[in-house]
Amino acid sequence: MRIALVGGGLMGAGWAAAFLAHGHRVVVTDTDPKAEPALRARLERAWPLLREVGDLATEADPDPDLLAFAPDIASAVTGADFVQESGPEDLGLKRSLFAEIDKAAPEGAVIASSSSGIPISEIQRGQARPERMVIGHPLNPPHLMPLVEVVGGEQTAEAAVTAAIQVYRSVGKRPLRLDRETPGHIVNRLQSALTREAVAIVLEGVGDARAVDDALTWGPGLRSALVGPLLNMHLAGGERGIEGFLAAFGTLTGDLPAGDPMARLIAGVHAEAAGRSIAEIEDERDRWVIRCRRLLAEFGR
């Protein structure tokens, strides 16, 4: 597969590492003349890490001939099967980039944006072929973090979303499809809420920066990679699970709607539990926390 990367900064370099590690041809374009040497240096640092995590199965580094740089967007996307845009978070600029990409890319190529917050419906507005445009938002560092948020816009074809998910899966990513658009997607909505509270706690004099970070890394952070916030509510509800939590502590989550919205939440948590008892999930969580504490000790924490 031929991959075109528009933007060769931190995100672009991470995407390049992911695609090259799985044998794809990658063409990068960036207006910054320093982008190429910086990207190549990041790739050299990425290979041993990807090998350690299992995303690079060979002892040898990827063939350097698989990577090329193009002087402009048209040259980069010509003949591409998939295009990943990773430019600055500016709506006007992204619309301009997508217009150039759309004009030169093959008709069957899907065009994805790494945008961390701009809805694809805003980017695709006024474009010639908006049906092939999607969001494919990675997390930093993109070559190591598996999650990619995927969502189409008002004019996106279902086939484009499906194709993007298949591409990301082919390079070891874990695509997470959103049911609908929202500014910031899922990850940044969660991160923004946490960041706002972290800053407020320091400014209110409740604790200093170290206290806030320790509260997360030595508290919920130890379990969060295995048990997310909603499954943790299920565990905290005792024998009644999520229903018990909402009955006892519902006000902690703010004003809760009645009826169908809550039924959807409850059903989703039970689906995530997948028939496992509270005790079974707690046992998995406990073993996970023990391993995390041992790993932190290895890092001198």
C-alpha atoms as a PDB file:
ATOM      1  CA  MET A   1       0.000   0.000   0.000  1.00  0.00           C
ATOM      2  CA  ARG A   2       1.181   3.513  -0.806  1.00  0.00           C
ATOM      3  CA  ILE A   3       0.625   5.994   2.023  1.00  0.00           C
ATOM      4  CA  ALA A   4       0.876   9.769   1.671  1.00  0.00           C
ATOM      5  CA  LEU A   5       1.562  11.822   4.795  1.00  0.00           C
ATOM      6  CA  VAL A   6       0.824  15.538   4.593  1.00  0.00           C
ATOM      7  CA  GLY A   7       2.740  16.994   7.518  1.00  0.00           C
ATOM      8  CA  GLY A   8       6.009  15.525   8.748  1.00  0.00           C
ATOM      9  CA  GLY A   9       6.168  16.822  12.317  1.00  0.00           C
ATOM     10  CA  LEU A  10       5.710  14.818  15.496  1.00  0.00           C
ATOM     11  CA  MET A  11       2.441  13.200  14.427  1.00  0.00           C
ATOM     12  CA  GLY A  12       3.589  12.690  10.856  1.00  0.00           C
ATOM     13  CA  ALA A  13       6.766  10.982  12.035  1.00  0.00           C
ATOM     14  CA  GLY A  14       4.755   8.666  14.268  1.00  0.00           C
ATOM     15  CA  TRP A  15       2.492   7.735  11.396  1.00  0.00           C
ATOM     16  CA  ALA A  16       5.517   7.166   9.167  1.00  0.00           C
ATOM     17  CA  ALA A  17       7.017   4.775  11.716  1.00  0.00           C
ATOM     18  CA  ALA A  18       3.761   2.825  12.029  1.00  0.00           C
ATOM     19  CA  PHE A  19       3.262   2.430   8.280  1.00  0.00           C
ATOM     20  CA  LEU A  20       6.904   1.700   7.462  1.00  0.00           C
ATOM     21  CA  ALA A  21       7.127  -0.911  10.228  1.00  0.00           C
ATOM     22  CA  HIS A  22       4.403  -2.851   8.419  1.00  0.00           C
ATOM     23  CA  GLY A  23       6.038  -2.657   5.011  1.00  0.00           C
ATOM     24  CA  HIS A  24       4.031   0.132   3.386  1.00  0.00           C
ATOM     25  CA  ARG A  25       5.522   2.693   1.026  1.00  0.00           C
ATOM     26  CA  VAL A  26       5.373   6.156   2.572  1.00  0.00           C
ATOM     27  CA  VAL A  27       5.683   9.538   0.878  1.00  0.00           C
ATOM     28  CA  VAL A  28       5.906  12.590   3.144  1.00  0.00           C
ATOM     29  CA  THR A  29       5.526  16.248   2.328  1.00  0.00           C
ATOM     30  CA  ASP A  30       6.059  19.227   4.623  1.00  0.00           C
ATOM     31  CA  THR A  31       6.722  22.901   3.989  1.00  0.00           C
ATOM     32  CA  ASP A  32       9.424  23.021   6.685  1.00  0.00           C
ATOM     33  CA  PRO A  33      12.861  22.203   5.199  1.00  0.00           C
ATOM     34  CA  LYS A  34      13.924  20.849   8.604  1.00  0.00           C
ATOM     35  CA  ALA A  35      11.111  18.306   8.636  1.00  0.00           C
ATOM     36  CA  GLU A  36      12.941  15.590   6.705  1.00  0.00           C
ATOM     37  CA  PRO A  37      16.073  15.304   8.885  1.00  0.00           C
ATOM     38  CA  ALA A  38      13.963  15.586  12.036  1.00  0.00           C
ATOM     39  CA  LEU A  39      11.594  12.857  10.859  1.00  0.00           C
ATOM     40  CA  ARG A  40      14.432  10.525   9.890  1.00  0.00           C
ATOM     41  CA  ALA A  41      16.015  11.031  13.316  1.00  0.00           C
ATOM     42  CA  ARG A  42      12.712  10.207  15.025  1.00  0.00           C
ATOM     43  CA  LEU A  43      12.430   7.031  12.951  1.00  0.00           C
ATOM     44  CA  GLU A  44      15.846   5.842  14.104  1.00  0.00           C
ATOM     45  CA  ARG A  45      14.713   6.239  17.701  1.00  0.00           C
ATOM     46  CA  ALA A  46      11.389   4.548  16.972  1.00  0.00           C
ATOM     47  CA  TRP A  47      12.649   1.259  15.515  1.00  0.00           C
ATOM     48  CA  PRO A  48      13.994  -0.347  18.718  1.00  0.00           C
ATOM     49  CA  LEU A  49      10.849   0.716  20.593  1.00  0.00           C
ATOM     50  CA  LEU A  50       8.541  -0.751  17.959  1.00  0.00           C
ATOM     51  CA  ARG A  51      10.610  -3.926  17.918  1.00  0.00           C
ATOM     52  CA  GLU A  52      10.296  -4.232  21.686  1.00  0.00           C
ATOM     53  CA  VAL A  53       6.527  -3.799  21.641  1.00  0.00           C
ATOM     54  CA  GLY A  54       6.123  -6.268  18.760  1.00  0.00           C
ATOM     55  CA  ASP A  55       5.069  -3.854  16.014  1.00  0.00           C
ATOM     56  CA  LEU A  56       8.328  -4.448  14.136  1.00  0.00           C
ATOM     57  CA  ALA A  57       8.799  -8.174  13.730  1.00  0.00           C
ATOM     58  CA  THR A  58      12.213  -8.160  12.033  1.00  0.00           C
ATOM     59  CA  GLU A  59      15.695  -7.652  13.424  1.00  0.00           C
ATOM     60  CA  ALA A  60      16.490  -5.343  10.525  1.00  0.00           C
ATOM     61  CA  ASP A  61      15.041  -1.845  10.322  1.00  0.00           C
ATOM     62  CA  PRO A  62      12.472  -1.198   7.569  1.00  0.00           C
ATOM     63  CA  ASP A  63      13.860  -0.749   4.071  1.00  0.00           C
ATOM     64  CA  PRO A  64      14.889   2.922   3.788  1.00  0.00           C
ATOM     65  CA  ASP A  65      13.786   2.877   0.155  1.00  0.00           C
ATOM     66  CA  LEU A  66      10.180   2.601   1.357  1.00  0.00           C
ATOM     67  CA  LEU A  67      10.362   6.216   2.560  1.00  0.00           C
ATOM     68  CA  ALA A  68      10.414   9.200   0.218  1.00  0.00           C
ATOM     69  CA  PHE A  69       9.878  12.937   0.542  1.00  0.00           C
ATOM     70  CA  ALA A  70       7.939  15.013  -1.960  1.00  0.00           C
ATOM     71  CA  PRO A  71       8.267  18.757  -2.570  1.00  0.00           C
ATOM     72  CA  ASP A  72       4.517  19.418  -2.576  1.00  0.00           C
ATOM     73  CA  ILE A  73       1.140  17.891  -1.836  1.00  0.00           C
ATOM     74  CA  ALA A  74       0.318  17.000  -5.427  1.00  0.00           C
ATOM     75  CA  SER A  75       3.532  15.009  -5.797  1.00  0.00           C
ATOM     76  CA  ALA A  76       3.018  13.271  -2.461  1.00  0.00           C
ATOM     77  CA  VAL A  77      -0.558  12.115  -2.952  1.00  0.00           C
ATOM     78  CA  THR A  78      -0.350  11.107  -6.615  1.00  0.00           C
ATOM     79  CA  GLY A  79      -0.873   7.349  -6.692  1.00  0.00           C
ATOM     80  CA  ALA A  80      -1.637   7.138  -2.960  1.00  0.00           C
ATOM     81  CA  ASP A  81      -4.033   4.531  -1.594  1.00  0.00           C
ATOM     82  CA  PHE A  82      -4.490   6.379   1.695  1.00  0.00           C
ATOM     83  CA  VAL A  83      -3.695   9.934   2.801  1.00  0.00           C
ATOM     84  CA  GLN A  84      -3.120  11.031   6.403  1.00  0.00           C
ATOM     85  CA  GLU A  85      -3.067  14.788   7.028  1.00  0.00           C
ATOM     86  CA  SER A  86      -1.306  16.002  10.181  1.00  0.00           C
ATOM     87  CA  GLY A  87      -1.107  19.755   9.793  1.00  0.00           C
ATOM     88  CA  PRO A  88      -1.614  22.441  12.475  1.00  0.00           C
ATOM     89  CA  GLU A  89      -4.983  22.709  14.260  1.00  0.00           C
ATOM     90  CA  ASP A  90      -6.340  25.526  12.117  1.00  0.00           C
ATOM     91  CA  LEU A  91      -9.647  25.069  10.299  1.00  0.00           C
ATOM     92  CA  GLY A  92      -8.825  27.373   7.405  1.00  0.00           C
ATOM     93  CA  LEU A  93      -5.469  25.697   6.838  1.00  0.00           C
ATOM     94  CA  LYS A  94      -6.949  22.214   7.009  1.00  0.00           C
ATOM     95  CA  ARG A  95      -9.631  23.120   4.480  1.00  0.00           C
ATOM     96  CA  SER A  96      -6.914  24.409   2.172  1.00  0.00           C
ATOM     97  CA  LEU A  97      -4.794  21.278   2.634  1.00  0.00           C
ATOM     98  CA  PHE A  98      -7.763  19.004   1.999  1.00  0.00           C
ATOM     99  CA  ALA A  99      -8.669  20.903  -1.164  1.00  0.00           C
ATOM    100  CA  GLU A 100      -5.154  20.354  -2.518  1.00  0.00           C
ATOM    101  CA  ILE A 101      -5.156  16.712  -1.485  1.00  0.00           C
ATOM    102  CA  ASP A 102      -8.621  16.109  -2.925  1.00  0.00           C
ATOM    103  CA  LYS A 103      -7.614  17.611  -6.243  1.00  0.00           C
ATOM    104  CA  ALA A 104      -4.548  15.410  -6.742  1.00  0.00           C
ATOM    105  CA  ALA A 105      -5.250  12.150  -4.908  1.00  0.00           C
ATOM    106  CA  PRO A 106      -6.664   9.157  -6.808  1.00  0.00           C
ATOM    107  CA  GLU A 107     -10.440   8.882  -6.755  1.00  0.00           C
ATOM    108  CA  GLY A 108     -10.411   5.776  -4.550  1.00  0.00           C
ATOM    109  CA  ALA A 109      -8.063   7.148  -1.898  1.00  0.00           C
ATOM    110  CA  VAL A 110      -9.447   7.874   1.563  1.00  0.00           C
ATOM    111  CA  ILE A 111      -8.280  11.155   3.116  1.00  0.00           C
ATOM    112  CA  ALA A 112      -7.957  11.185   6.909  1.00  0.00           C
ATOM    113  CA  SER A 113      -7.141  14.035   9.260  1.00  0.00           C
ATOM    114  CA  SER A 114      -5.215  13.637  12.509  1.00  0.00           C
ATOM    115  CA  SER A 115      -7.132  16.615  13.931  1.00  0.00           C
ATOM    116  CA  SER A 116      -7.468  16.416  17.697  1.00  0.00           C
ATOM    117  CA  GLY A 117     -10.608  18.495  17.878  1.00  0.00           C
ATOM    118  CA  ILE A 118     -11.920  19.922  14.603  1.00  0.00           C
ATOM    119  CA  PRO A 119     -14.941  17.966  13.294  1.00  0.00           C
ATOM    120  CA  ILE A 120     -14.445  16.536   9.828  1.00  0.00           C
ATOM    121  CA  SER A 121     -17.811  18.048   8.807  1.00  0.00           C
ATOM    122  CA  GLU A 122     -16.194  21.476   9.158  1.00  0.00           C
ATOM    123  CA  ILE A 123     -13.159  20.449   7.109  1.00  0.00           C
ATOM    124  CA  GLN A 124     -15.110  18.754   4.310  1.00  0.00           C
ATOM    125  CA  ARG A 125     -17.524  21.653   3.811  1.00  0.00           C
ATOM    126  CA  GLY A 126     -17.186  22.967   0.258  1.00  0.00           C
ATOM    127  CA  GLN A 127     -14.783  20.204  -0.827  1.00  0.00           C
ATOM    128  CA  ALA A 128     -15.202  18.526  -4.202  1.00  0.00           C
ATOM    129  CA  ARG A 129     -15.314  14.942  -2.884  1.00  0.00           C
ATOM    130  CA  PRO A 130     -16.207  15.143   0.810  1.00  0.00           C
ATOM    131  CA  GLU A 131     -17.506  11.587   0.906  1.00  0.00           C
ATOM    132  CA  ARG A 132     -13.978  10.182   1.247  1.00  0.00           C
ATOM    133  CA  MET A 133     -12.887  12.383   4.181  1.00  0.00           C
ATOM    134  CA  VAL A 134     -12.675  11.103   7.764  1.00  0.00           C
ATOM    135  CA  ILE A 135     -11.050  11.812  11.113  1.00  0.00           C
ATOM    136  CA  GLY A 136      -8.270   9.428  12.165  1.00  0.00           C
ATOM    137  CA  HIS A 137      -7.016  10.973  15.408  1.00  0.00           C
ATOM    138  CA  PRO A 138      -3.946   9.325  16.990  1.00  0.00           C
ATOM    139  CA  LEU A 139      -2.547   9.829  20.468  1.00  0.00           C
ATOM    140  CA  ASN A 140       0.957  11.006  21.283  1.00  0.00           C
ATOM    141  CA  PRO A 141       3.360   9.250  20.794  1.00  0.00           C
ATOM    142  CA  PRO A 142       1.493   8.020  17.716  1.00  0.00           C
ATOM    143  CA  HIS A 143       3.907   5.197  16.862  1.00  0.00           C
ATOM    144  CA  LEU A 144       3.450   3.589  20.298  1.00  0.00           C
ATOM    145  CA  MET A 145      -0.126   4.424  21.296  1.00  0.00           C
ATOM    146  CA  PRO A 146      -2.558   1.947  19.700  1.00  0.00           C
ATOM    147  CA  LEU A 147      -5.752   4.006  19.865  1.00  0.00           C
ATOM    148  CA  VAL A 148      -6.975   5.911  16.801  1.00  0.00           C
ATOM    149  CA  GLU A 149     -10.329   7.698  17.002  1.00  0.00           C
ATOM    150  CA  VAL A 150     -12.263   7.350  13.746  1.00  0.00           C
ATOM    151  CA  VAL A 151     -15.388   9.259  12.776  1.00  0.00           C
ATOM    152  CA  GLY A 152     -17.005  10.425   9.575  1.00  0.00           C
ATOM    153  CA  GLY A 153     -18.751  13.710   8.931  1.00  0.00           C
ATOM    154  CA  GLU A 154     -22.103  14.771   7.564  1.00  0.00           C
ATOM    155  CA  GLN A 155     -21.021  13.961   4.011  1.00  0.00           C
ATOM    156  CA  THR A 156     -18.702  10.998   4.634  1.00  0.00           C
ATOM    157  CA  ALA A 157     -19.528   7.692   2.949  1.00  0.00           C
ATOM    158  CA  GLU A 158     -19.714   4.615   5.157  1.00  0.00           C
ATOM    159  CA  ALA A 159     -17.185   2.924   2.873  1.00  0.00           C
ATOM    160  CA  ALA A 160     -14.575   5.576   3.697  1.00  0.00           C
ATOM    161  CA  VAL A 161     -14.936   5.035   7.448  1.00  0.00           C
ATOM    162  CA  THR A 162     -14.719   1.264   7.002  1.00  0.00           C
ATOM    163  CA  ALA A 163     -11.646   1.576   4.786  1.00  0.00           C
ATOM    164  CA  ALA A 164      -9.874   3.850   7.275  1.00  0.00           C
ATOM    165  CA  ILE A 165     -10.536   1.407  10.105  1.00  0.00           C
ATOM    166  CA  GLN A 166      -9.107  -1.432   8.018  1.00  0.00           C
ATOM    167  CA  VAL A 167      -5.969   0.569   7.231  1.00  0.00           C
ATOM    168  CA  TYR A 168      -5.350   1.404  10.882  1.00  0.00           C
ATOM    169  CA  ARG A 169      -5.911  -2.192  11.956  1.00  0.00           C
ATOM    170  CA  SER A 170      -3.425  -3.346   9.328  1.00  0.00           C
ATOM    171  CA  VAL A 171      -0.643  -1.440  11.108  1.00  0.00           C
ATOM    172  CA  GLY A 172      -1.456  -2.686  14.593  1.00  0.00           C
ATOM    173  CA  LYS A 173      -3.650   0.190  15.699  1.00  0.00           C
ATOM    174  CA  ARG A 174      -6.841  -0.129  17.730  1.00  0.00           C
ATOM    175  CA  PRO A 175      -9.368   2.060  15.905  1.00  0.00           C
ATOM    176  CA  LEU A 176     -12.218   3.363  18.033  1.00  0.00           C
ATOM    177  CA  ARG A 177     -15.221   4.398  15.989  1.00  0.00           C
ATOM    178  CA  LEU A 178     -17.314   7.241  17.380  1.00  0.00           C
ATOM    179  CA  ASP A 179     -21.087   7.044  16.948  1.00  0.00           C
ATOM    180  CA  ARG A 180     -21.179  10.733  16.023  1.00  0.00           C
ATOM    181  CA  GLU A 181     -18.970  13.815  15.843  1.00  0.00           C
ATOM    182  CA  THR A 182     -18.156  15.973  18.840  1.00  0.00           C
ATOM    183  CA  PRO A 183     -15.453  18.647  19.246  1.00  0.00           C
ATOM    184  CA  GLY A 184     -12.422  17.001  20.820  1.00  0.00           C
ATOM    185  CA  HIS A 185     -13.739  13.508  19.998  1.00  0.00           C
ATOM    186  CA  ILE A 186     -13.799  11.220  23.065  1.00  0.00           C
ATOM    187  CA  VAL A 187     -10.198  11.298  24.265  1.00  0.00           C
ATOM    188  CA  ASN A 188      -9.762  15.050  24.395  1.00  0.00           C
ATOM    189  CA  ARG A 189     -13.156  15.588  26.006  1.00  0.00           C
ATOM    190  CA  LEU A 190     -12.027  13.287  28.806  1.00  0.00           C
ATOM    191  CA  GLN A 191      -8.534  14.778  28.972  1.00  0.00           C
ATOM    192  CA  SER A 192      -9.831  18.341  28.930  1.00  0.00           C
ATOM    193  CA  ALA A 193     -12.177  17.702  31.856  1.00  0.00           C
ATOM    194  CA  LEU A 194      -9.325  16.174  33.844  1.00  0.00           C
ATOM    195  CA  THR A 195      -6.927  18.986  32.936  1.00  0.00           C
ATOM    196  CA  ARG A 196      -9.421  21.686  33.938  1.00  0.00           C
ATOM    197  CA  GLU A 197      -9.852  20.096  37.360  1.00  0.00           C
ATOM    198  CA  ALA A 198      -6.094  19.564  37.782  1.00  0.00           C
ATOM    199  CA  VAL A 199      -5.384  23.247  37.146  1.00  0.00           C
ATOM    200  CA  ALA A 200      -8.289  24.359  39.351  1.00  0.00           C
ATOM    201  CA  ILE A 201      -7.049  22.256  42.281  1.00  0.00           C
ATOM    202  CA  VAL A 202      -3.638  23.948  42.161  1.00  0.00           C
ATOM    203  CA  LEU A 203      -5.084  27.456  41.723  1.00  0.00           C
ATOM    204  CA  GLU A 204      -7.505  26.913  44.616  1.00  0.00           C
ATOM    205  CA  GLY A 205      -4.639  25.900  46.893  1.00  0.00           C
ATOM    206  CA  VAL A 206      -5.938  22.386  47.473  1.00  0.00           C
ATOM    207  CA  GLY A 207      -2.641  20.820  46.432  1.00  0.00           C
ATOM    208  CA  ASP A 208       0.453  21.586  44.389  1.00  0.00           C
ATOM    209  CA  ALA A 209       1.332  20.243  40.947  1.00  0.00           C
ATOM    210  CA  ARG A 210       3.119  17.200  42.355  1.00  0.00           C
ATOM    211  CA  ALA A 211       0.136  16.355  44.538  1.00  0.00           C
ATOM    212  CA  VAL A 212      -2.229  16.499  41.566  1.00  0.00           C
ATOM    213  CA  ASP A 213      -0.015  14.322  39.379  1.00  0.00           C
ATOM    214  CA  ASP A 214       0.649  11.837  42.194  1.00  0.00           C
ATOM    215  CA  ALA A 215      -3.076  11.628  42.902  1.00  0.00           C
ATOM    216  CA  LEU A 216      -3.618  10.352  39.382  1.00  0.00           C
ATOM    217  CA  THR A 217      -0.499   8.250  38.783  1.00  0.00           C
ATOM    218  CA  TRP A 218      -0.633   6.530  42.190  1.00  0.00           C
ATOM    219  CA  GLY A 219      -4.421   6.373  42.263  1.00  0.00           C
ATOM    220  CA  PRO A 220      -6.838   5.855  39.360  1.00  0.00           C
ATOM    221  CA  GLY A 221      -3.995   5.800  36.840  1.00  0.00           C
ATOM    222  CA  LEU A 222      -2.763   2.457  38.162  1.00  0.00           C
ATOM    223  CA  ARG A 223      -5.994   0.737  37.181  1.00  0.00           C
ATOM    224  CA  SER A 224      -7.214   2.865  34.282  1.00  0.00           C
ATOM    225  CA  ALA A 225      -5.507   0.938  31.483  1.00  0.00           C
ATOM    226  CA  LEU A 226      -7.560  -2.118  32.449  1.00  0.00           C
ATOM    227  CA  VAL A 227     -10.641  -0.639  34.118  1.00  0.00           C
ATOM    228  CA  GLY A 228     -12.023   2.569  32.632  1.00  0.00           C
ATOM    229  CA  PRO A 229     -14.202   5.056  34.532  1.00  0.00           C
ATOM    230  CA  LEU A 230     -17.526   3.425  33.687  1.00  0.00           C
ATOM    231  CA  LEU A 231     -16.435  -0.126  34.469  1.00  0.00           C
ATOM    232  CA  ASN A 232     -14.946   1.219  37.701  1.00  0.00           C
ATOM    233  CA  MET A 233     -18.395   2.605  38.594  1.00  0.00           C
ATOM    234  CA  HIS A 234     -19.704  -0.929  38.086  1.00  0.00           C
ATOM    235  CA  LEU A 235     -17.152  -2.293  40.562  1.00  0.00           C
ATOM    236  CA  ALA A 236     -17.834   0.479  43.076  1.00  0.00           C
ATOM    237  CA  GLY A 237     -21.545  -0.346  43.087  1.00  0.00           C
ATOM    238  CA  GLY A 238     -21.083  -3.583  45.003  1.00  0.00           C
ATOM    239  CA  GLU A 239     -23.301  -6.562  44.236  1.00  0.00           C
ATOM    240  CA  ARG A 240     -25.714  -4.378  42.237  1.00  0.00           C
ATOM    241  CA  GLY A 241     -22.926  -3.083  40.026  1.00  0.00           C
ATOM    242  CA  ILE A 242     -23.569   0.014  37.944  1.00  0.00           C
ATOM    243  CA  GLU A 243     -27.178   0.247  39.164  1.00  0.00           C
ATOM    244  CA  GLY A 244     -25.960   0.218  42.756  1.00  0.00           C
ATOM    245  CA  PHE A 245     -23.403   2.929  42.081  1.00  0.00           C
ATOM    246  CA  LEU A 246     -25.923   5.230  40.428  1.00  0.00           C
ATOM    247  CA  ALA A 247     -28.396   4.708  43.257  1.00  0.00           C
ATOM    248  CA  ALA A 248     -25.818   5.489  45.951  1.00  0.00           C
ATOM    249  CA  PHE A 249     -23.477   7.984  44.318  1.00  0.00           C
ATOM    250  CA  GLY A 250     -25.315   9.310  41.290  1.00  0.00           C
ATOM    251  CA  THR A 251     -25.042  12.924  42.425  1.00  0.00           C
ATOM    252  CA  LEU A 252     -21.245  12.679  42.174  1.00  0.00           C
ATOM    253  CA  THR A 253     -21.607  12.600  38.405  1.00  0.00           C
ATOM    254  CA  GLY A 254     -23.820  15.675  38.234  1.00  0.00           C
ATOM    255  CA  ASP A 255     -27.439  15.853  37.117  1.00  0.00           C
ATOM    256  CA  LEU A 256     -28.341  12.455  35.703  1.00  0.00           C
ATOM    257  CA  PRO A 257     -31.131  12.157  33.147  1.00  0.00           C
ATOM    258  CA  ALA A 258     -33.859   9.605  33.659  1.00  0.00           C
ATOM    259  CA  GLY A 259     -35.163   7.079  31.176  1.00  0.00           C
ATOM    260  CA  ASP A 260     -33.540   5.921  27.971  1.00  0.00           C
ATOM    261  CA  PRO A 261     -30.159   7.745  28.264  1.00  0.00           C
ATOM    262  CA  MET A 262     -29.414   6.047  31.593  1.00  0.00           C
ATOM    263  CA  ALA A 263     -30.689   2.719  30.289  1.00  0.00           C
ATOM    264  CA  ARG A 264     -28.184   3.005  27.448  1.00  0.00           C
ATOM    265  CA  LEU A 265     -25.366   3.694  29.912  1.00  0.00           C
ATOM    266  CA  ILE A 266     -26.322   0.771  32.136  1.00  0.00           C
ATOM    267  CA  ALA A 267     -26.692  -1.619  29.198  1.00  0.00           C
ATOM    268  CA  GLY A 268     -23.326  -0.529  27.819  1.00  0.00           C
ATOM    269  CA  VAL A 269     -21.532  -1.173  31.107  1.00  0.00           C
ATOM    270  CA  HIS A 270     -23.072  -4.635  31.387  1.00  0.00           C
ATOM    271  CA  ALA A 271     -22.029  -5.362  27.804  1.00  0.00           C
ATOM    272  CA  GLU A 272     -18.472  -4.326  28.658  1.00  0.00           C
ATOM    273  CA  ALA A 273     -18.496  -6.625  31.686  1.00  0.00           C
ATOM    274  CA  ALA A 274     -19.350  -9.416  29.222  1.00  0.00           C
ATOM    275  CA  GLY A 275     -20.885 -11.746  31.773  1.00  0.00           C
ATOM    276  CA  ARG A 276     -18.001 -11.515  34.230  1.00  0.00           C
ATOM    277  CA  SER A 277     -18.938 -11.235  37.875  1.00  0.00           C
ATOM    278  CA  ILE A 278     -17.847  -8.304  40.026  1.00  0.00           C
ATOM    279  CA  ALA A 279     -15.412 -10.643  41.798  1.00  0.00           C
ATOM    280  CA  GLU A 280     -13.858 -11.790  38.518  1.00  0.00           C
ATOM    281  CA  ILE A 281     -13.299  -8.241  37.303  1.00  0.00           C
ATOM    282  CA  GLU A 282     -11.896  -7.231  40.685  1.00  0.00           C
ATOM    283  CA  ASP A 283      -9.435 -10.120  40.538  1.00  0.00           C
ATOM    284  CA  GLU A 284      -8.216  -9.040  37.085  1.00  0.00           C
ATOM    285  CA  ARG A 285      -7.922  -5.449  38.293  1.00  0.00           C
ATOM    286  CA  ASP A 286      -5.965  -6.440  41.389  1.00  0.00           C
ATOM    287  CA  ARG A 287      -3.468  -8.533  39.440  1.00  0.00           C
ATOM    288  CA  TRP A 288      -3.075  -5.656  36.977  1.00  0.00           C
ATOM    289  CA  VAL A 289      -2.374  -3.130  39.745  1.00  0.00           C
ATOM    290  CA  ILE A 290       0.271  -5.422  41.242  1.00  0.00           C
ATOM    291  CA  ARG A 291       2.073  -5.625  37.897  1.00  0.00           C
ATOM    292  CA  CYS A 292       1.869  -1.864  37.440  1.00  0.00           C
ATOM    293  CA  ARG A 293       3.363  -1.262  40.888  1.00  0.00           C
ATOM    294  CA  ARG A 294       6.227  -3.631  40.112  1.00  0.00           C
ATOM    295  CA  LEU A 295       6.847  -1.837  36.824  1.00  0.00           C
ATOM    296  CA  LEU A 296       6.890   1.547  38.548  1.00  0.00           C
ATOM    297  CA  ALA A 297       9.438   0.172  41.006  1.00  0.00           C
ATOM    298  CA  GLU A 298      11.668  -0.783  38.067  1.00  0.00           C
ATOM    299  CA  PHE A 299      11.585   2.879  37.033  1.00  0.00           C
ATOM    300  CA  GLY A 300      12.580   3.962  40.525  1.00  0.00           C
ATOM    301  CA  ARG A 301       9.177   5.364  41.420  1.00  0.00           C
END
